Amino acid sequence: MIRSQLAVFFITAGTALILIYGAEVSAVAAFSFGAGLAVGCWRRRKVPNRN
């Protein structure tokens, strides 16, 4: 839950920074980091863990 909330936060913050300041490195990095977290969380939910 915490990771998915962090992913949403980074995606939102990154998108806002891109809209406000344009495509700057920090905004793109934050957006990419959030997107990576979201994909990681989604893949973990998709694959059942039986360990």
PDB file of N, CA and C in Angstrom:
ATOM      1  N   MET A   1       0.834  -1.202   0.000  1.00  0.00           N
ATOM      2  CA  MET A   1       0.000   0.000   0.000  1.00  0.00           C
ATOM      3  C   MET A   1       0.868   1.251   0.000  1.00  0.00           C
ATOM      4  N   ILE A   2       1.918   1.240   0.836  1.00  0.00           N
ATOM      5  CA  ILE A   2       2.773   2.420   0.936  1.00  0.00           C
ATOM      6  C   ILE A   2       3.509   2.652  -0.385  1.00  0.00           C
ATOM      7  N   ARG A   3       3.977   1.573  -1.005  1.00  0.00           N
ATOM      8  CA  ARG A   3       4.715   1.735  -2.263  1.00  0.00           C
ATOM      9  C   ARG A   3       3.803   2.252  -3.364  1.00  0.00           C
ATOM     10  N   SER A   4       2.574   1.744  -3.414  1.00  0.00           N
ATOM     11  CA  SER A   4       1.652   2.217  -4.448  1.00  0.00           C
ATOM     12  C   SER A   4       1.314   3.686  -4.229  1.00  0.00           C
ATOM     13  N   GLN A   5       1.180   4.100  -2.953  1.00  0.00           N
ATOM     14  CA  GLN A   5       0.923   5.511  -2.672  1.00  0.00           C
ATOM     15  C   GLN A   5       2.124   6.361  -3.073  1.00  0.00           C
ATOM     16  N   LEU A   6       3.341   5.857  -2.815  1.00  0.00           N
ATOM     17  CA  LEU A   6       4.546   6.580  -3.231  1.00  0.00           C
ATOM     18  C   LEU A   6       4.591   6.694  -4.750  1.00  0.00           C
ATOM     19  N   ALA A   7       4.219   5.613  -5.444  1.00  0.00           N
ATOM     20  CA  ALA A   7       4.220   5.641  -6.905  1.00  0.00           C
ATOM     21  C   ALA A   7       3.263   6.706  -7.418  1.00  0.00           C
ATOM     22  N   VAL A   8       2.061   6.751  -6.842  1.00  0.00           N
ATOM     23  CA  VAL A   8       1.082   7.758  -7.260  1.00  0.00           C
ATOM     24  C   VAL A   8       1.613   9.158  -6.979  1.00  0.00           C
ATOM     25  N   PHE A   9       2.253   9.320  -5.816  1.00  0.00           N
ATOM     26  CA  PHE A   9       2.795  10.633  -5.458  1.00  0.00           C
ATOM     27  C   PHE A   9       3.867  11.075  -6.449  1.00  0.00           C
ATOM     28  N   PHE A  10       4.806  10.161  -6.776  1.00  0.00           N
ATOM     29  CA  PHE A  10       5.892  10.539  -7.681  1.00  0.00           C
ATOM     30  C   PHE A  10       5.365  10.807  -9.085  1.00  0.00           C
ATOM     31  N   ILE A  11       4.390  10.011  -9.526  1.00  0.00           N
ATOM     32  CA  ILE A  11       3.823  10.237 -10.859  1.00  0.00           C
ATOM     33  C   ILE A  11       3.117  11.586 -10.911  1.00  0.00           C
ATOM     34  N   THR A  12       2.336  11.881  -9.855  1.00  0.00           N
ATOM     35  CA  THR A  12       1.613  13.157  -9.820  1.00  0.00           C
ATOM     36  C   THR A  12       2.586  14.331  -9.759  1.00  0.00           C
ATOM     37  N   ALA A  13       3.581  14.228  -8.874  1.00  0.00           N
ATOM     38  CA  ALA A  13       4.554  15.309  -8.727  1.00  0.00           C
ATOM     39  C   ALA A  13       5.349  15.493 -10.020  1.00  0.00           C
ATOM     40  N   GLY A  14       5.760  14.392 -10.628  1.00  0.00           N
ATOM     41  CA  GLY A  14       6.519  14.477 -11.870  1.00  0.00           C
ATOM     42  C   GLY A  14       5.718  15.116 -12.988  1.00  0.00           C
ATOM     43  N   THR A  15       4.449  14.698 -13.095  1.00  0.00           N
ATOM     44  CA  THR A  15       3.589  15.279 -14.131  1.00  0.00           C
ATOM     45  C   THR A  15       3.382  16.765 -13.894  1.00  0.00           C
ATOM     46  N   ALA A  16       3.155  17.148 -12.630  1.00  0.00           N
ATOM     47  CA  ALA A  16       2.955  18.562 -12.306  1.00  0.00           C
ATOM     48  C   ALA A  16       4.207  19.374 -12.637  1.00  0.00           C
ATOM     49  N   LEU A  17       5.376  18.837 -12.290  1.00  0.00           N
ATOM     50  CA  LEU A  17       6.618  19.556 -12.579  1.00  0.00           C
ATOM     51  C   LEU A  17       6.828  19.700 -14.082  1.00  0.00           C
ATOM     52  N   ILE A  18       6.496  18.638 -14.833  1.00  0.00           N
ATOM     53  CA  ILE A  18       6.643  18.706 -16.289  1.00  0.00           C
ATOM     54  C   ILE A  18       5.719  19.783 -16.860  1.00  0.00           C
ATOM     55  N   LEU A  19       4.476  19.834 -16.344  1.00  0.00           N
ATOM     56  CA  LEU A  19       3.520  20.822 -16.855  1.00  0.00           C
ATOM     57  C   LEU A  19       3.946  22.238 -16.491  1.00  0.00           C
ATOM     58  N   ILE A  20       4.522  22.406 -15.293  1.00  0.00           N
ATOM     59  CA  ILE A  20       4.868  23.752 -14.830  1.00  0.00           C
ATOM     60  C   ILE A  20       6.198  24.218 -15.430  1.00  0.00           C
ATOM     61  N   TYR A  21       7.228  23.398 -15.301  1.00  0.00           N
ATOM     62  CA  TYR A  21       8.573  23.836 -15.691  1.00  0.00           C
ATOM     63  C   TYR A  21       8.994  23.329 -17.063  1.00  0.00           C
ATOM     64  N   GLY A  22       8.205  22.463 -17.654  1.00  0.00           N
ATOM     65  CA  GLY A  22       8.621  21.851 -18.895  1.00  0.00           C
ATOM     66  C   GLY A  22       9.362  20.550 -18.599  1.00  0.00           C
ATOM     67  N   ALA A  23       9.829  19.880 -19.627  1.00  0.00           N
ATOM     68  CA  ALA A  23      10.475  18.580 -19.450  1.00  0.00           C
ATOM     69  C   ALA A  23      11.887  18.766 -18.916  1.00  0.00           C
ATOM     70  N   GLU A  24      11.983  18.929 -17.607  1.00  0.00           N
ATOM     71  CA  GLU A  24      13.304  19.040 -16.995  1.00  0.00           C
ATOM     72  C   GLU A  24      13.743  17.683 -16.470  1.00  0.00           C
ATOM     73  N   VAL A  25      15.034  17.564 -16.177  1.00  0.00           N
ATOM     74  CA  VAL A  25      15.594  16.269 -15.807  1.00  0.00           C
ATOM     75  C   VAL A  25      14.965  15.751 -14.520  1.00  0.00           C
ATOM     76  N   SER A  26      14.814  16.630 -13.531  1.00  0.00           N
ATOM     77  CA  SER A  26      14.293  16.188 -12.245  1.00  0.00           C
ATOM     78  C   SER A  26      12.856  15.699 -12.371  1.00  0.00           C
ATOM     79  N   ALA A  27      12.057  16.395 -13.166  1.00  0.00           N
ATOM     80  CA  ALA A  27      10.664  16.003 -13.344  1.00  0.00           C
ATOM     81  C   ALA A  27      10.575  14.656 -14.051  1.00  0.00           C
ATOM     82  N   VAL A  28      11.373  14.487 -15.106  1.00  0.00           N
ATOM     83  CA  VAL A  28      11.362  13.229 -15.847  1.00  0.00           C
ATOM     84  C   VAL A  28      11.838  12.088 -14.957  1.00  0.00           C
ATOM     85  N   ALA A  29      12.856  12.359 -14.127  1.00  0.00           N
ATOM     86  CA  ALA A  29      13.368  11.325 -13.233  1.00  0.00           C
ATOM     87  C   ALA A  29      12.301  10.920 -12.223  1.00  0.00           C
ATOM     88  N   ALA A  30      11.611  11.893 -11.640  1.00  0.00           N
ATOM     89  CA  ALA A  30      10.562  11.588 -10.670  1.00  0.00           C
ATOM     90  C   ALA A  30       9.433  10.805 -11.328  1.00  0.00           C
ATOM     91  N   PHE A  31       9.039  11.207 -12.539  1.00  0.00           N
ATOM     92  CA  PHE A  31       7.967  10.503 -13.245  1.00  0.00           C
ATOM     93  C   PHE A  31       8.383   9.073 -13.569  1.00  0.00           C
ATOM     94  N   SER A  32       9.636   8.900 -14.042  1.00  0.00           N
ATOM     95  CA  SER A  32      10.121   7.567 -14.377  1.00  0.00           C
ATOM     96  C   SER A  32      10.191   6.687 -13.138  1.00  0.00           C
ATOM     97  N   PHE A  33      10.653   7.263 -12.019  1.00  0.00           N
ATOM     98  CA  PHE A  33      10.749   6.509 -10.770  1.00  0.00           C
ATOM     99  C   PHE A  33       9.364   6.065 -10.307  1.00  0.00           C
ATOM    100  N   GLY A  34       8.398   6.961 -10.370  1.00  0.00           N
ATOM    101  CA  GLY A  34       7.038   6.619  -9.965  1.00  0.00           C
ATOM    102  C   GLY A  34       6.428   5.567 -10.883  1.00  0.00           C
ATOM    103  N   ALA A  35       6.667   5.709 -12.189  1.00  0.00           N
ATOM    104  CA  ALA A  35       6.144   4.727 -13.129  1.00  0.00           C
ATOM    105  C   ALA A  35       6.772   3.363 -12.877  1.00  0.00           C
ATOM    106  N   GLY A  36       8.071   3.337 -12.592  1.00  0.00           N
ATOM    107  CA  GLY A  36       8.750   2.080 -12.286  1.00  0.00           C
ATOM    108  C   GLY A  36       8.190   1.432 -11.033  1.00  0.00           C
ATOM    109  N   LEU A  37       7.928   2.226 -10.005  1.00  0.00           N
ATOM    110  CA  LEU A  37       7.323   1.697  -8.783  1.00  0.00           C
ATOM    111  C   LEU A  37       5.941   1.130  -9.072  1.00  0.00           C
ATOM    112  N   ALA A  38       5.154   1.841  -9.866  1.00  0.00           N
ATOM    113  CA  ALA A  38       3.802   1.383 -10.184  1.00  0.00           C
ATOM    114  C   ALA A  38       3.848   0.055 -10.937  1.00  0.00           C
ATOM    115  N   VAL A  39       4.751  -0.049 -11.918  1.00  0.00           N
ATOM    116  CA  VAL A  39       4.875  -1.288 -12.685  1.00  0.00           C
ATOM    117  C   VAL A  39       5.324  -2.430 -11.786  1.00  0.00           C
ATOM    118  N   GLY A  40       6.274  -2.147 -10.878  1.00  0.00           N
ATOM    119  CA  GLY A  40       6.753  -3.174  -9.957  1.00  0.00           C
ATOM    120  C   GLY A  40       5.650  -3.673  -9.047  1.00  0.00           C
ATOM    121  N   CYS A  41       4.849  -2.748  -8.510  1.00  0.00           N
ATOM    122  CA  CYS A  41       3.741  -3.144  -7.641  1.00  0.00           C
ATOM    123  C   CYS A  41       2.712  -3.945  -8.423  1.00  0.00           C
ATOM    124  N   TRP A  42       2.436  -3.543  -9.666  1.00  0.00           N
ATOM    125  CA  TRP A  42       1.435  -4.232 -10.468  1.00  0.00           C
ATOM    126  C   TRP A  42       1.898  -5.653 -10.797  1.00  0.00           C
ATOM    127  N   ARG A  43       3.180  -5.807 -11.113  1.00  0.00           N
ATOM    128  CA  ARG A  43       3.701  -7.138 -11.425  1.00  0.00           C
ATOM    129  C   ARG A  43       3.682  -8.031 -10.196  1.00  0.00           C
ATOM    130  N   ARG A  44       3.963  -7.466  -9.022  1.00  0.00           N
ATOM    131  CA  ARG A  44       3.943  -8.265  -7.805  1.00  0.00           C
ATOM    132  C   ARG A  44       2.533  -8.743  -7.491  1.00  0.00           C
ATOM    133  N   ARG A  45       1.547  -7.919  -7.763  1.00  0.00           N
ATOM    134  CA  ARG A  45       0.164  -8.327  -7.516  1.00  0.00           C
ATOM    135  C   ARG A  45      -0.265  -9.385  -8.514  1.00  0.00           C
ATOM    136  N   LYS A  46       0.186  -9.265  -9.751  1.00  0.00           N
ATOM    137  CA  LYS A  46      -0.202 -10.209 -10.794  1.00  0.00           C
ATOM    138  C   LYS A  46       0.356 -11.605 -10.515  1.00  0.00           C
ATOM    139  N   VAL A  47       1.628 -11.663 -10.095  1.00  0.00           N
ATOM    140  CA  VAL A  47       2.277 -12.960  -9.882  1.00  0.00           C
ATOM    141  C   VAL A  47       2.043 -13.408  -8.449  1.00  0.00           C
ATOM    142  N   PRO A  48       1.375 -14.546  -8.242  1.00  0.00           N
ATOM    143  CA  PRO A  48       1.150 -15.037  -6.873  1.00  0.00           C
ATOM    144  C   PRO A  48       2.443 -15.521  -6.241  1.00  0.00           C
ATOM    145  N   ASN A  49       2.656 -15.135  -4.996  1.00  0.00           N
ATOM    146  CA  ASN A  49       3.876 -15.524  -4.285  1.00  0.00           C
ATOM    147  C   ASN A  49       3.569 -16.712  -3.392  1.00  0.00           C
ATOM    148  N   ARG A  50       4.222 -17.848  -3.631  1.00  0.00           N
ATOM    149  CA  ARG A  50       3.922 -19.061  -2.867  1.00  0.00           C
ATOM    150  C   ARG A  50       5.108 -19.505  -2.030  1.00  0.00           C
ATOM    151  N   ASN A  51       5.956 -18.574  -1.656  1.00  0.00           N
ATOM    152  CA  ASN A  51       7.122 -18.939  -0.840  1.00  0.00           C
ATOM    153  C   ASN A  51       6.756 -18.985   0.634  1.00  0.00           C
TER     154      ASN A  51
END
